[in-house]
Amino acid sequence: MLLQSGEIVDGIVSGITKYGAFIKLSDERTGLCHISEVSNDYVKDINTYLKEGQQVKVKILKVKDDSKIELSIKQATETPSQKKYTKPAPKKPTQSFENMLSDFLKDSDEKLKDMKQRDQRY
């Protein structure tokens, strides 16, 4: 079986270290899921999230030339609401540019008059 980046596959936790977990994949190869890729929450102790022998779904992030495999548990289980923030589309103005400019200039003139009147009082 040829593993490709972006695939989501099943695996079994075969070892746990302080920096991540080794996951045995279906083709008998083993990859590493770094501690930062275990959960969207801060993971202080990986043992609170994973146990050896536990079955997990992982996303293959990268298959390196030296056969090392980078994995992610959190990206394999991400729901649409957990995905990274995307900037909303800009709102279209409800009035023409000329009208907006006219309103802006009118407001600016009023504020300028107000400021001049305050300065004259002091």
PDB file of N, CA and C in Angstrom:
ATOM      1  N   MET A   1       0.850  -1.186   0.000  1.00  0.00           N
ATOM      2  CA  MET A   1       0.000   0.000   0.000  1.00  0.00           C
ATOM      3  C   MET A   1       0.886   1.237   0.000  1.00  0.00           C
ATOM      4  N   LEU A   2       0.654   2.135  -0.928  1.00  0.00           N
ATOM      5  CA  LEU A   2       1.425   3.364  -1.039  1.00  0.00           C
ATOM      6  C   LEU A   2       0.715   4.465  -0.258  1.00  0.00           C
ATOM      7  N   LEU A   3       1.392   5.003   0.740  1.00  0.00           N
ATOM      8  CA  LEU A   3       0.818   6.069   1.561  1.00  0.00           C
ATOM      9  C   LEU A   3       1.081   7.418   0.908  1.00  0.00           C
ATOM     10  N   GLN A   4       0.062   8.269   0.906  1.00  0.00           N
ATOM     11  CA  GLN A   4       0.201   9.590   0.313  1.00  0.00           C
ATOM     12  C   GLN A   4      -0.220  10.658   1.314  1.00  0.00           C
ATOM     13  N   SER A   5       0.416  11.812   1.216  1.00  0.00           N
ATOM     14  CA  SER A   5       0.058  12.941   2.079  1.00  0.00           C
ATOM     15  C   SER A   5      -1.412  13.289   1.894  1.00  0.00           C
ATOM     16  N   GLY A   6      -2.078  13.588   3.004  1.00  0.00           N
ATOM     17  CA  GLY A   6      -3.484  13.964   2.968  1.00  0.00           C
ATOM     18  C   GLY A   6      -4.446  12.831   3.242  1.00  0.00           C
ATOM     19  N   GLU A   7      -3.969  11.582   3.138  1.00  0.00           N
ATOM     20  CA  GLU A   7      -4.842  10.434   3.399  1.00  0.00           C
ATOM     21  C   GLU A   7      -5.155  10.327   4.880  1.00  0.00           C
ATOM     22  N   ILE A   8      -6.343   9.822   5.186  1.00  0.00           N
ATOM     23  CA  ILE A   8      -6.712   9.519   6.568  1.00  0.00           C
ATOM     24  C   ILE A   8      -6.806   8.002   6.666  1.00  0.00           C
ATOM     25  N   VAL A   9      -6.009   7.437   7.584  1.00  0.00           N
ATOM     26  CA  VAL A   9      -5.935   5.988   7.726  1.00  0.00           C
ATOM     27  C   VAL A   9      -6.068   5.604   9.195  1.00  0.00           C
ATOM     28  N   ASP A  10      -6.307   4.305   9.434  1.00  0.00           N
ATOM     29  CA  ASP A  10      -6.357   3.780  10.792  1.00  0.00           C
ATOM     30  C   ASP A  10      -4.972   3.354  11.224  1.00  0.00           C
ATOM     31  N   GLY A  11      -4.725   3.449  12.511  1.00  0.00           N
ATOM     32  CA  GLY A  11      -3.452   3.012  13.061  1.00  0.00           C
ATOM     33  C   GLY A  11      -3.615   2.613  14.513  1.00  0.00           C
ATOM     34  N   ILE A  12      -2.550   2.032  15.065  1.00  0.00           N
ATOM     35  CA  ILE A  12      -2.552   1.617  16.462  1.00  0.00           C
ATOM     36  C   ILE A  12      -1.337   2.233  17.141  1.00  0.00           C
ATOM     37  N   VAL A  13      -1.564   2.840  18.309  1.00  0.00           N
ATOM     38  CA  VAL A  13      -0.474   3.452  19.065  1.00  0.00           C
ATOM     39  C   VAL A  13       0.478   2.347  19.509  1.00  0.00           C
ATOM     40  N   SER A  14       1.731   2.432  19.031  1.00  0.00           N
ATOM     41  CA  SER A  14       2.702   1.384  19.364  1.00  0.00           C
ATOM     42  C   SER A  14       3.748   1.849  20.373  1.00  0.00           C
ATOM     43  N   GLY A  15       3.804   3.135  20.615  1.00  0.00           N
ATOM     44  CA  GLY A  15       4.754   3.650  21.595  1.00  0.00           C
ATOM     45  C   GLY A  15       4.461   5.102  21.898  1.00  0.00           C
ATOM     46  N   ILE A  16       4.774   5.516  23.129  1.00  0.00           N
ATOM     47  CA  ILE A  16       4.515   6.892  23.557  1.00  0.00           C
ATOM     48  C   ILE A  16       5.803   7.465  24.141  1.00  0.00           C
ATOM     49  N   THR A  17       6.138   8.671  23.729  1.00  0.00           N
ATOM     50  CA  THR A  17       7.275   9.396  24.286  1.00  0.00           C
ATOM     51  C   THR A  17       6.768  10.737  24.783  1.00  0.00           C
ATOM     52  N   LYS A  18       7.653  11.528  25.396  1.00  0.00           N
ATOM     53  CA  LYS A  18       7.206  12.834  25.895  1.00  0.00           C
ATOM     54  C   LYS A  18       6.947  13.822  24.756  1.00  0.00           C
ATOM     55  N   TYR A  19       7.444  13.548  23.564  1.00  0.00           N
ATOM     56  CA  TYR A  19       7.279  14.465  22.431  1.00  0.00           C
ATOM     57  C   TYR A  19       6.262  13.972  21.399  1.00  0.00           C
ATOM     58  N   GLY A  20       5.683  12.805  21.579  1.00  0.00           N
ATOM     59  CA  GLY A  20       4.704  12.315  20.619  1.00  0.00           C
ATOM     60  C   GLY A  20       4.413  10.844  20.776  1.00  0.00           C
ATOM     61  N   ALA A  21       3.722  10.305  19.778  1.00  0.00           N
ATOM     62  CA  ALA A  21       3.346   8.894  19.800  1.00  0.00           C
ATOM     63  C   ALA A  21       3.691   8.250  18.466  1.00  0.00           C
ATOM     64  N   PHE A  22       4.178   7.031  18.553  1.00  0.00           N
ATOM     65  CA  PHE A  22       4.443   6.252  17.348  1.00  0.00           C
ATOM     66  C   PHE A  22       3.195   5.465  17.027  1.00  0.00           C
ATOM     67  N   ILE A  23       2.775   5.543  15.772  1.00  0.00           N
ATOM     68  CA  ILE A  23       1.538   4.902  15.318  1.00  0.00           C
ATOM     69  C   ILE A  23       1.895   3.883  14.247  1.00  0.00           C
ATOM     70  N   LYS A  24       1.491   2.623  14.487  1.00  0.00           N
ATOM     71  CA  LYS A  24       1.713   1.564  13.506  1.00  0.00           C
ATOM     72  C   LYS A  24       0.547   1.592  12.523  1.00  0.00           C
ATOM     73  N   LEU A  25       0.875   1.722  11.252  1.00  0.00           N
ATOM     74  CA  LEU A  25      -0.142   1.809  10.204  1.00  0.00           C
ATOM     75  C   LEU A  25      -0.451   0.437   9.630  1.00  0.00           C
ATOM     76  N   SER A  26      -1.459   0.364   8.785  1.00  0.00           N
ATOM     77  CA  SER A  26      -1.925  -0.914   8.257  1.00  0.00           C
ATOM     78  C   SER A  26      -0.890  -1.628   7.390  1.00  0.00           C
ATOM     79  N   ASP A  27       0.067  -0.892   6.824  1.00  0.00           N
ATOM     80  CA  ASP A  27       1.078  -1.540   5.986  1.00  0.00           C
ATOM     81  C   ASP A  27       2.323  -1.937   6.789  1.00  0.00           C
ATOM     82  N   GLU A  28       2.161  -1.996   8.107  1.00  0.00           N
ATOM     83  CA  GLU A  28       3.229  -2.384   9.033  1.00  0.00           C
ATOM     84  C   GLU A  28       4.324  -1.320   9.165  1.00  0.00           C
ATOM     85  N   ARG A  29       4.145  -0.164   8.558  1.00  0.00           N
ATOM     86  CA  ARG A  29       5.095   0.935   8.755  1.00  0.00           C
ATOM     87  C   ARG A  29       4.654   1.740   9.967  1.00  0.00           C
ATOM     88  N   THR A  30       5.598   2.453  10.566  1.00  0.00           N
ATOM     89  CA  THR A  30       5.303   3.245  11.753  1.00  0.00           C
ATOM     90  C   THR A  30       5.609   4.706  11.469  1.00  0.00           C
ATOM     91  N   GLY A  31       4.712   5.578  11.933  1.00  0.00           N
ATOM     92  CA  GLY A  31       4.899   7.009  11.787  1.00  0.00           C
ATOM     93  C   GLY A  31       4.836   7.690  13.137  1.00  0.00           C
ATOM     94  N   LEU A  32       5.219   8.954  13.175  1.00  0.00           N
ATOM     95  CA  LEU A  32       5.218   9.718  14.417  1.00  0.00           C
ATOM     96  C   LEU A  32       4.151  10.801  14.365  1.00  0.00           C
ATOM     97  N   CYS A  33       3.367  10.847  15.424  1.00  0.00           N
ATOM     98  CA  CYS A  33       2.402  11.927  15.618  1.00  0.00           C
ATOM     99  C   CYS A  33       2.976  12.804  16.726  1.00  0.00           C
ATOM    100  N   HIS A  34       3.456  13.995  16.360  1.00  0.00           N
ATOM    101  CA  HIS A  34       4.043  14.911  17.335  1.00  0.00           C
ATOM    102  C   HIS A  34       2.984  15.331  18.354  1.00  0.00           C
ATOM    103  N   ILE A  35       3.417  15.635  19.569  1.00  0.00           N
ATOM    104  CA  ILE A  35       2.486  15.999  20.649  1.00  0.00           C
ATOM    105  C   ILE A  35       1.586  17.176  20.268  1.00  0.00           C
ATOM    106  N   SER A  36       2.087  18.079  19.421  1.00  0.00           N
ATOM    107  CA  SER A  36       1.288  19.232  18.996  1.00  0.00           C
ATOM    108  C   SER A  36       0.186  18.846  18.015  1.00  0.00           C
ATOM    109  N   GLU A  37       0.241  17.635  17.483  1.00  0.00           N
ATOM    110  CA  GLU A  37      -0.756  17.165  16.513  1.00  0.00           C
ATOM    111  C   GLU A  37      -1.733  16.147  17.117  1.00  0.00           C
ATOM    112  N   VAL A  38      -1.710  16.015  18.452  1.00  0.00           N
ATOM    113  CA  VAL A  38      -2.597  15.049  19.108  1.00  0.00           C
ATOM    114  C   VAL A  38      -3.985  15.638  19.329  1.00  0.00           C
ATOM    115  N   SER A  39      -4.051  16.908  19.732  1.00  0.00           N
ATOM    116  CA  SER A  39      -5.333  17.523  20.064  1.00  0.00           C
ATOM    117  C   SER A  39      -5.282  19.015  19.775  1.00  0.00           C
ATOM    118  N   ASN A  40      -6.460  19.623  19.623  1.00  0.00           N
ATOM    119  CA  ASN A  40      -6.532  21.077  19.471  1.00  0.00           C
ATOM    120  C   ASN A  40      -6.280  21.780  20.796  1.00  0.00           C
ATOM    121  N   ASP A  41      -6.447  21.057  21.894  1.00  0.00           N
ATOM    122  CA  ASP A  41      -6.160  21.595  23.220  1.00  0.00           C
ATOM    123  C   ASP A  41      -4.667  21.480  23.497  1.00  0.00           C
ATOM    124  N   TYR A  42      -4.189  22.226  24.506  1.00  0.00           N
ATOM    125  CA  TYR A  42      -2.795  22.113  24.928  1.00  0.00           C
ATOM    126  C   TYR A  42      -2.597  20.746  25.583  1.00  0.00           C
ATOM    127  N   VAL A  43      -1.591  20.005  25.112  1.00  0.00           N
ATOM    128  CA  VAL A  43      -1.315  18.674  25.646  1.00  0.00           C
ATOM    129  C   VAL A  43      -0.058  18.744  26.500  1.00  0.00           C
ATOM    130  N   LYS A  44      -0.252  18.669  27.814  1.00  0.00           N
ATOM    131  CA  LYS A  44       0.898  18.699  28.732  1.00  0.00           C
ATOM    132  C   LYS A  44       1.467  17.287  28.873  1.00  0.00           C
ATOM    133  N   ASP A  45       0.578  16.320  29.034  1.00  0.00           N
ATOM    134  CA  ASP A  45       0.994  14.923  29.176  1.00  0.00           C
ATOM    135  C   ASP A  45       0.237  14.096  28.141  1.00  0.00           C
ATOM    136  N   ILE A  46       0.961  13.577  27.188  1.00  0.00           N
ATOM    137  CA  ILE A  46       0.342  12.820  26.095  1.00  0.00           C
ATOM    138  C   ILE A  46      -0.392  11.569  26.595  1.00  0.00           C
ATOM    139  N   ASN A  47       0.034  11.061  27.743  1.00  0.00           N
ATOM    140  CA  ASN A  47      -0.593   9.859  28.306  1.00  0.00           C
ATOM    141  C   ASN A  47      -2.047  10.085  28.726  1.00  0.00           C
ATOM    142  N   THR A  48      -2.454  11.333  28.894  1.00  0.00           N
ATOM    143  CA  THR A  48      -3.855  11.609  29.218  1.00  0.00           C
ATOM    144  C   THR A  48      -4.743  11.514  27.980  1.00  0.00           C
ATOM    145  N   TYR A  49      -4.123  11.497  26.796  1.00  0.00           N
ATOM    146  CA  TYR A  49      -4.871  11.431  25.541  1.00  0.00           C
ATOM    147  C   TYR A  49      -4.762  10.076  24.843  1.00  0.00           C
ATOM    148  N   LEU A  50      -3.603   9.421  24.986  1.00  0.00           N
ATOM    149  CA  LEU A  50      -3.363   8.177  24.257  1.00  0.00           C
ATOM    150  C   LEU A  50      -2.808   7.086  25.167  1.00  0.00           C
ATOM    151  N   LYS A  51      -3.099   5.846  24.810  1.00  0.00           N
ATOM    152  CA  LYS A  51      -2.568   4.661  25.504  1.00  0.00           C
ATOM    153  C   LYS A  51      -2.017   3.715  24.448  1.00  0.00           C
ATOM    154  N   GLU A  52      -0.981   2.968  24.802  1.00  0.00           N
ATOM    155  CA  GLU A  52      -0.432   1.983  23.863  1.00  0.00           C
ATOM    156  C   GLU A  52      -1.503   0.955  23.536  1.00  0.00           C
ATOM    157  N   GLY A  53      -1.581   0.577  22.260  1.00  0.00           N
ATOM    158  CA  GLY A  53      -2.587  -0.376  21.797  1.00  0.00           C
ATOM    159  C   GLY A  53      -3.887   0.273  21.366  1.00  0.00           C
ATOM    160  N   GLN A  54      -4.048   1.551  21.616  1.00  0.00           N
ATOM    161  CA  GLN A  54      -5.270   2.267  21.247  1.00  0.00           C
ATOM    162  C   GLN A  54      -5.348   2.438  19.732  1.00  0.00           C
ATOM    163  N   GLN A  55      -6.522   2.213  19.183  1.00  0.00           N
ATOM    164  CA  GLN A  55      -6.733   2.405  17.753  1.00  0.00           C
ATOM    165  C   GLN A  55      -7.112   3.873  17.514  1.00  0.00           C
ATOM    166  N   VAL A  56      -6.478   4.492  16.515  1.00  0.00           N
ATOM    167  CA  VAL A  56      -6.719   5.905  16.215  1.00  0.00           C
ATOM    168  C   VAL A  56      -6.804   6.123  14.714  1.00  0.00           C
ATOM    169  N   LYS A  57      -7.476   7.200  14.332  1.00  0.00           N
ATOM    170  CA  LYS A  57      -7.467   7.654  12.937  1.00  0.00           C
ATOM    171  C   LYS A  57      -6.411   8.737  12.849  1.00  0.00           C
ATOM    172  N   VAL A  58      -5.587   8.688  11.814  1.00  0.00           N
ATOM    173  CA  VAL A  58      -4.534   9.684  11.629  1.00  0.00           C
ATOM    174  C   VAL A  58      -4.544  10.187  10.197  1.00  0.00           C
ATOM    175  N   LYS A  59      -4.111  11.422  10.059  1.00  0.00           N
ATOM    176  CA  LYS A  59      -3.933  12.006   8.731  1.00  0.00           C
ATOM    177  C   LYS A  59      -2.442  11.979   8.435  1.00  0.00           C
ATOM    178  N   ILE A  60      -2.075  11.541   7.251  1.00  0.00           N
ATOM    179  CA  ILE A  60      -0.678  11.511   6.849  1.00  0.00           C
ATOM    180  C   ILE A  60      -0.311  12.916   6.379  1.00  0.00           C
ATOM    181  N   LEU A  61       0.587  13.546   7.130  1.00  0.00           N
ATOM    182  CA  LEU A  61       1.013  14.896   6.781  1.00  0.00           C
ATOM    183  C   LEU A  61       2.107  14.877   5.729  1.00  0.00           C
ATOM    184  N   LYS A  62       3.065  13.970   5.912  1.00  0.00           N
ATOM    185  CA  LYS A  62       4.205  13.944   4.997  1.00  0.00           C
ATOM    186  C   LYS A  62       4.880  12.586   5.061  1.00  0.00           C
ATOM    187  N   VAL A  63       5.238  12.058   3.897  1.00  0.00           N
ATOM    188  CA  VAL A  63       6.064  10.860   3.799  1.00  0.00           C
ATOM    189  C   VAL A  63       7.402  11.333   3.265  1.00  0.00           C
ATOM    190  N   LYS A  64       8.415  11.296   4.118  1.00  0.00           N
ATOM    191  CA  LYS A  64       9.733  11.823   3.740  1.00  0.00           C
ATOM    192  C   LYS A  64      10.508  10.802   2.911  1.00  0.00           C
ATOM    193  N   ASP A  65      11.536  11.290   2.225  1.00  0.00           N
ATOM    194  CA  ASP A  65      12.377  10.431   1.390  1.00  0.00           C
ATOM    195  C   ASP A  65      13.058   9.332   2.198  1.00  0.00           C
ATOM    196  N   ASP A  66      13.353   9.604   3.467  1.00  0.00           N
ATOM    197  CA  ASP A  66      14.025   8.599   4.302  1.00  0.00           C
ATOM    198  C   ASP A  66      13.016   7.670   4.985  1.00  0.00           C
ATOM    199  N   SER A  67      11.801   7.580   4.449  1.00  0.00           N
ATOM    200  CA  SER A  67      10.718   6.702   4.905  1.00  0.00           C
ATOM    201  C   SER A  67      10.094   7.115   6.230  1.00  0.00           C
ATOM    202  N   LYS A  68      10.443   8.267   6.761  1.00  0.00           N
ATOM    203  CA  LYS A  68       9.791   8.744   7.977  1.00  0.00           C
ATOM    204  C   LYS A  68       8.427   9.311   7.605  1.00  0.00           C
ATOM    205  N   ILE A  69       7.445   9.057   8.476  1.00  0.00           N
ATOM    206  CA  ILE A  69       6.075   9.469   8.205  1.00  0.00           C
ATOM    207  C   ILE A  69       5.602  10.392   9.317  1.00  0.00           C
ATOM    208  N   GLU A  70       5.153  11.583   8.945  1.00  0.00           N
ATOM    209  CA  GLU A  70       4.606  12.533   9.907  1.00  0.00           C
ATOM    210  C   GLU A  70       3.089  12.393   9.904  1.00  0.00           C
ATOM    211  N   LEU A  71       2.506  12.271  11.113  1.00  0.00           N
ATOM    212  CA  LEU A  71       1.076  12.028  11.248  1.00  0.00           C
ATOM    213  C   LEU A  71       0.403  13.086  12.119  1.00  0.00           C
ATOM    214  N   SER A  72      -0.913  13.183  12.002  1.00  0.00           N
ATOM    215  CA  SER A  72      -1.699  14.087  12.839  1.00  0.00           C
ATOM    216  C   SER A  72      -3.008  13.414  13.220  1.00  0.00           C
ATOM    217  N   ILE A  73      -3.287  13.393  14.504  1.00  0.00           N
ATOM    218  CA  ILE A  73      -4.575  12.877  14.973  1.00  0.00           C
ATOM    219  C   ILE A  73      -5.616  13.991  14.925  1.00  0.00           C
ATOM    220  N   LYS A  74      -5.227  15.196  15.336  1.00  0.00           N
ATOM    221  CA  LYS A  74      -6.210  16.282  15.393  1.00  0.00           C
ATOM    222  C   LYS A  74      -6.729  16.667  14.014  1.00  0.00           C
ATOM    223  N   GLN A  75      -5.890  16.594  12.980  1.00  0.00           N
ATOM    224  CA  GLN A  75      -6.359  16.948  11.639  1.00  0.00           C
ATOM    225  C   GLN A  75      -7.239  15.855  11.039  1.00  0.00           C
ATOM    226  N   ALA A  76      -7.103  14.635  11.532  1.00  0.00           N
ATOM    227  CA  ALA A  76      -7.938  13.534  11.038  1.00  0.00           C
ATOM    228  C   ALA A  76      -9.334  13.592  11.636  1.00  0.00           C
ATOM    229  N   THR A  77      -9.466  14.235  12.789  1.00  0.00           N
ATOM    230  CA  THR A  77     -10.751  14.277  13.480  1.00  0.00           C
ATOM    231  C   THR A  77     -11.344  15.671  13.529  1.00  0.00           C
ATOM    232  N   GLU A  78     -10.780  16.613  12.792  1.00  0.00           N
ATOM    233  CA  GLU A  78     -11.246  17.988  12.803  1.00  0.00           C
ATOM    234  C   GLU A  78     -12.651  18.098  12.244  1.00  0.00           C
ATOM    235  N   THR A  79     -13.478  18.867  12.931  1.00  0.00           N
ATOM    236  CA  THR A  79     -14.809  19.163  12.416  1.00  0.00           C
ATOM    237  C   THR A  79     -14.731  20.520  11.724  1.00  0.00           C
ATOM    238  N   PRO A  80     -15.675  20.844  10.857  1.00  0.00           N
ATOM    239  CA  PRO A  80     -15.616  22.121  10.144  1.00  0.00           C
ATOM    240  C   PRO A  80     -15.503  23.334  11.071  1.00  0.00           C
ATOM    241  N   SER A  81     -16.131  23.285  12.267  1.00  0.00           N
ATOM    242  CA  SER A  81     -16.078  24.430  13.176  1.00  0.00           C
ATOM    243  C   SER A  81     -14.709  24.584  13.828  1.00  0.00           C
ATOM    244  N   GLN A  82     -13.867  23.548  13.810  1.00  0.00           N
ATOM    245  CA  GLN A  82     -12.549  23.608  14.424  1.00  0.00           C
ATOM    246  C   GLN A  82     -11.469  24.048  13.447  1.00  0.00           C
ATOM    247  N   LYS A  83     -11.803  24.128  12.184  1.00  0.00           N
ATOM    248  CA  LYS A  83     -10.793  24.481  11.193  1.00  0.00           C
ATOM    249  C   LYS A  83     -10.304  25.896  11.425  1.00  0.00           C
ATOM    250  N   LYS A  84      -9.177  26.191  10.848  1.00  0.00           N
ATOM    251  CA  LYS A  84      -8.554  27.492  11.051  1.00  0.00           C
ATOM    252  C   LYS A  84      -9.466  28.613  10.563  1.00  0.00           C
ATOM    253  N   TYR A  85      -9.322  29.747  11.207  1.00  0.00           N
ATOM    254  CA  TYR A  85     -10.121  30.931  10.903  1.00  0.00           C
ATOM    255  C   TYR A  85      -9.866  31.406   9.481  1.00  0.00           C
ATOM    256  N   THR A  86     -10.911  31.674   8.781  1.00  0.00           N
ATOM    257  CA  THR A  86     -10.782  32.290   7.459  1.00  0.00           C
ATOM    258  C   THR A  86     -11.473  33.641   7.510  1.00  0.00           C
ATOM    259  N   LYS A  87     -10.866  34.605   6.890  1.00  0.00           N
ATOM    260  CA  LYS A  87     -11.387  35.969   6.896  1.00  0.00           C
ATOM    261  C   LYS A  87     -12.705  36.011   6.127  1.00  0.00           C
ATOM    262  N   PRO A  88     -13.734  36.614   6.732  1.00  0.00           N
ATOM    263  CA  PRO A  88     -15.008  36.686   6.018  1.00  0.00           C
ATOM    264  C   PRO A  88     -14.897  37.603   4.803  1.00  0.00           C
ATOM    265  N   ALA A  89     -15.760  37.359   3.844  1.00  0.00           N
ATOM    266  CA  ALA A  89     -15.768  38.184   2.636  1.00  0.00           C
ATOM    267  C   ALA A  89     -16.190  39.601   3.007  1.00  0.00           C
ATOM    268  N   PRO A  90     -15.578  40.587   2.370  1.00  0.00           N
ATOM    269  CA  PRO A  90     -15.949  41.976   2.699  1.00  0.00           C
ATOM    270  C   PRO A  90     -17.402  42.248   2.342  1.00  0.00           C
ATOM    271  N   LYS A  91     -18.028  43.083   3.169  1.00  0.00           N
ATOM    272  CA  LYS A  91     -19.426  43.442   2.915  1.00  0.00           C
ATOM    273  C   LYS A  91     -19.491  44.454   1.790  1.00  0.00           C
ATOM    274  N   LYS A  92     -20.488  44.291   0.965  1.00  0.00           N
ATOM    275  CA  LYS A  92     -20.680  45.245  -0.127  1.00  0.00           C
ATOM    276  C   LYS A  92     -21.423  46.454   0.430  1.00  0.00           C
ATOM    277  N   PRO A  93     -20.988  47.650   0.049  1.00  0.00           N
ATOM    278  CA  PRO A  93     -21.665  48.849   0.555  1.00  0.00           C
ATOM    279  C   PRO A  93     -23.105  48.908   0.055  1.00  0.00           C
ATOM    280  N   THR A  94     -23.983  49.440   0.913  1.00  0.00           N
ATOM    281  CA  THR A  94     -25.393  49.537   0.539  1.00  0.00           C
ATOM    282  C   THR A  94     -25.692  50.836  -0.200  1.00  0.00           C
ATOM    283  N   GLN A  95     -24.744  51.776  -0.160  1.00  0.00           N
ATOM    284  CA  GLN A  95     -24.937  53.022  -0.898  1.00  0.00           C
ATOM    285  C   GLN A  95     -23.730  53.269  -1.800  1.00  0.00           C
ATOM    286  N   SER A  96     -23.879  54.172  -2.716  1.00  0.00           N
ATOM    287  CA  SER A  96     -22.806  54.422  -3.673  1.00  0.00           C
ATOM    288  C   SER A  96     -21.606  55.075  -2.978  1.00  0.00           C
ATOM    289  N   PHE A  97     -20.479  54.994  -3.630  1.00  0.00           N
ATOM    290  CA  PHE A  97     -19.262  55.585  -3.089  1.00  0.00           C
ATOM    291  C   PHE A  97     -19.423  57.099  -2.912  1.00  0.00           C
ATOM    292  N   GLU A  98     -20.057  57.739  -3.878  1.00  0.00           N
ATOM    293  CA  GLU A  98     -20.247  59.190  -3.817  1.00  0.00           C
ATOM    294  C   GLU A  98     -21.072  59.578  -2.592  1.00  0.00           C
ATOM    295  N   ASN A  99     -22.127  58.824  -2.304  1.00  0.00           N
ATOM    296  CA  ASN A  99     -22.958  59.102  -1.128  1.00  0.00           C
ATOM    297  C   ASN A  99     -22.175  58.877   0.164  1.00  0.00           C
ATOM    298  N   MET A 100     -21.387  57.797   0.197  1.00  0.00           N
ATOM    299  CA  MET A 100     -20.575  57.539   1.389  1.00  0.00           C
ATOM    300  C   MET A 100     -19.571  58.664   1.602  1.00  0.00           C
ATOM    301  N   LEU A 101     -18.942  59.124   0.523  1.00  0.00           N
ATOM    302  CA  LEU A 101     -17.964  60.204   0.612  1.00  0.00           C
ATOM    303  C   LEU A 101     -18.636  61.496   1.076  1.00  0.00           C
ATOM    304  N   SER A 102     -19.800  61.772   0.538  1.00  0.00           N
ATOM    305  CA  SER A 102     -20.547  62.966   0.930  1.00  0.00           C
ATOM    306  C   SER A 102     -20.879  62.927   2.423  1.00  0.00           C
ATOM    307  N   ASP A 103     -21.360  61.786   2.909  1.00  0.00           N
ATOM    308  CA  ASP A 103     -21.672  61.632   4.336  1.00  0.00           C
ATOM    309  C   ASP A 103     -20.427  61.808   5.189  1.00  0.00           C
ATOM    310  N   PHE A 104     -19.330  61.234   4.751  1.00  0.00           N
ATOM    311  CA  PHE A 104     -18.071  61.342   5.487  1.00  0.00           C
ATOM    312  C   PHE A 104     -17.629  62.800   5.599  1.00  0.00           C
ATOM    313  N   LEU A 105     -17.680  63.529   4.478  1.00  0.00           N
ATOM    314  CA  LEU A 105     -17.275  64.933   4.487  1.00  0.00           C
ATOM    315  C   LEU A 105     -18.184  65.783   5.378  1.00  0.00           C
ATOM    316  N   LYS A 106     -19.483  65.504   5.340  1.00  0.00           N
ATOM    317  CA  LYS A 106     -20.429  66.228   6.176  1.00  0.00           C
ATOM    318  C   LYS A 106     -20.117  65.990   7.662  1.00  0.00           C
ATOM    319  N   ASP A 107     -19.891  64.721   8.031  1.00  0.00           N
ATOM    320  CA  ASP A 107     -19.539  64.396   9.419  1.00  0.00           C
ATOM    321  C   ASP A 107     -18.226  65.057   9.827  1.00  0.00           C
ATOM    322  N   SER A 108     -17.264  65.046   8.928  1.00  0.00           N
ATOM    323  CA  SER A 108     -15.961  65.657   9.218  1.00  0.00           C
ATOM    324  C   SER A 108     -16.094  67.152   9.449  1.00  0.00           C
ATOM    325  N   ASP A 109     -16.885  67.809   8.619  1.00  0.00           N
ATOM    326  CA  ASP A 109     -17.096  69.251   8.777  1.00  0.00           C
ATOM    327  C   ASP A 109     -17.760  69.564  10.121  1.00  0.00           C
ATOM    328  N   GLU A 110     -18.750  68.764  10.491  1.00  0.00           N
ATOM    329  CA  GLU A 110     -19.436  68.978  11.769  1.00  0.00           C
ATOM    330  C   GLU A 110     -18.470  68.789  12.939  1.00  0.00           C
ATOM    331  N   LYS A 111     -17.648  67.767  12.875  1.00  0.00           N
ATOM    332  CA  LYS A 111     -16.682  67.524  13.951  1.00  0.00           C
ATOM    333  C   LYS A 111     -15.645  68.634  14.016  1.00  0.00           C
ATOM    334  N   LEU A 112     -15.222  69.135  12.887  1.00  0.00           N
ATOM    335  CA  LEU A 112     -14.244  70.214  12.842  1.00  0.00           C
ATOM    336  C   LEU A 112     -14.828  71.496  13.445  1.00  0.00           C
ATOM    337  N   LYS A 113     -16.084  71.819  13.105  1.00  0.00           N
ATOM    338  CA  LYS A 113     -16.753  72.984  13.682  1.00  0.00           C
ATOM    339  C   LYS A 113     -16.845  72.845  15.196  1.00  0.00           C
ATOM    340  N   ASP A 114     -17.239  71.658  15.635  1.00  0.00           N
ATOM    341  CA  ASP A 114     -17.352  71.359  17.061  1.00  0.00           C
ATOM    342  C   ASP A 114     -16.019  71.591  17.785  1.00  0.00           C
ATOM    343  N   MET A 115     -14.954  71.108  17.204  1.00  0.00           N
ATOM    344  CA  MET A 115     -13.629  71.255  17.813  1.00  0.00           C
ATOM    345  C   MET A 115     -13.210  72.724  17.871  1.00  0.00           C
ATOM    346  N   LYS A 116     -13.498  73.480  16.820  1.00  0.00           N
ATOM    347  CA  LYS A 116     -13.145  74.900  16.789  1.00  0.00           C
ATOM    348  C   LYS A 116     -13.926  75.668  17.848  1.00  0.00           C
ATOM    349  N   GLN A 117     -15.192  75.346  18.033  1.00  0.00           N
ATOM    350  CA  GLN A 117     -16.007  76.008  19.052  1.00  0.00           C
ATOM    351  C   GLN A 117     -15.465  75.721  20.444  1.00  0.00           C
ATOM    352  N   ARG A 118     -15.060  74.491  20.703  1.00  0.00           N
ATOM    353  CA  ARG A 118     -14.487  74.140  22.007  1.00  0.00           C
ATOM    354  C   ARG A 118     -13.182  74.887  22.249  1.00  0.00           C
ATOM    355  N   ASP A 119     -12.353  75.008  21.222  1.00  0.00           N
ATOM    356  CA  ASP A 119     -11.079  75.712  21.355  1.00  0.00           C
ATOM    357  C   ASP A 119     -11.300  77.198  21.668  1.00  0.00           C
ATOM    358  N   GLN A 120     -12.341  77.794  21.083  1.00  0.00           N
ATOM    359  CA  GLN A 120     -12.606  79.213  21.300  1.00  0.00           C
ATOM    360  C   GLN A 120     -13.081  79.465  22.730  1.00  0.00           C
ATOM    361  N   ARG A 121     -13.745  78.486  23.339  1.00  0.00           N
ATOM    362  CA  ARG A 121     -14.234  78.634  24.705  1.00  0.00           C
ATOM    363  C   ARG A 121     -13.084  78.640  25.703  1.00  0.00           C
ATOM    364  N   TYR A 122     -11.996  77.965  25.400  1.00  0.00           N
ATOM    365  CA  TYR A 122     -10.901  77.837  26.345  1.00  0.00           C
ATOM    366  C   TYR A 122      -9.838  78.772  26.052  1.00  0.00           C
TER     367      TYR A 122
END
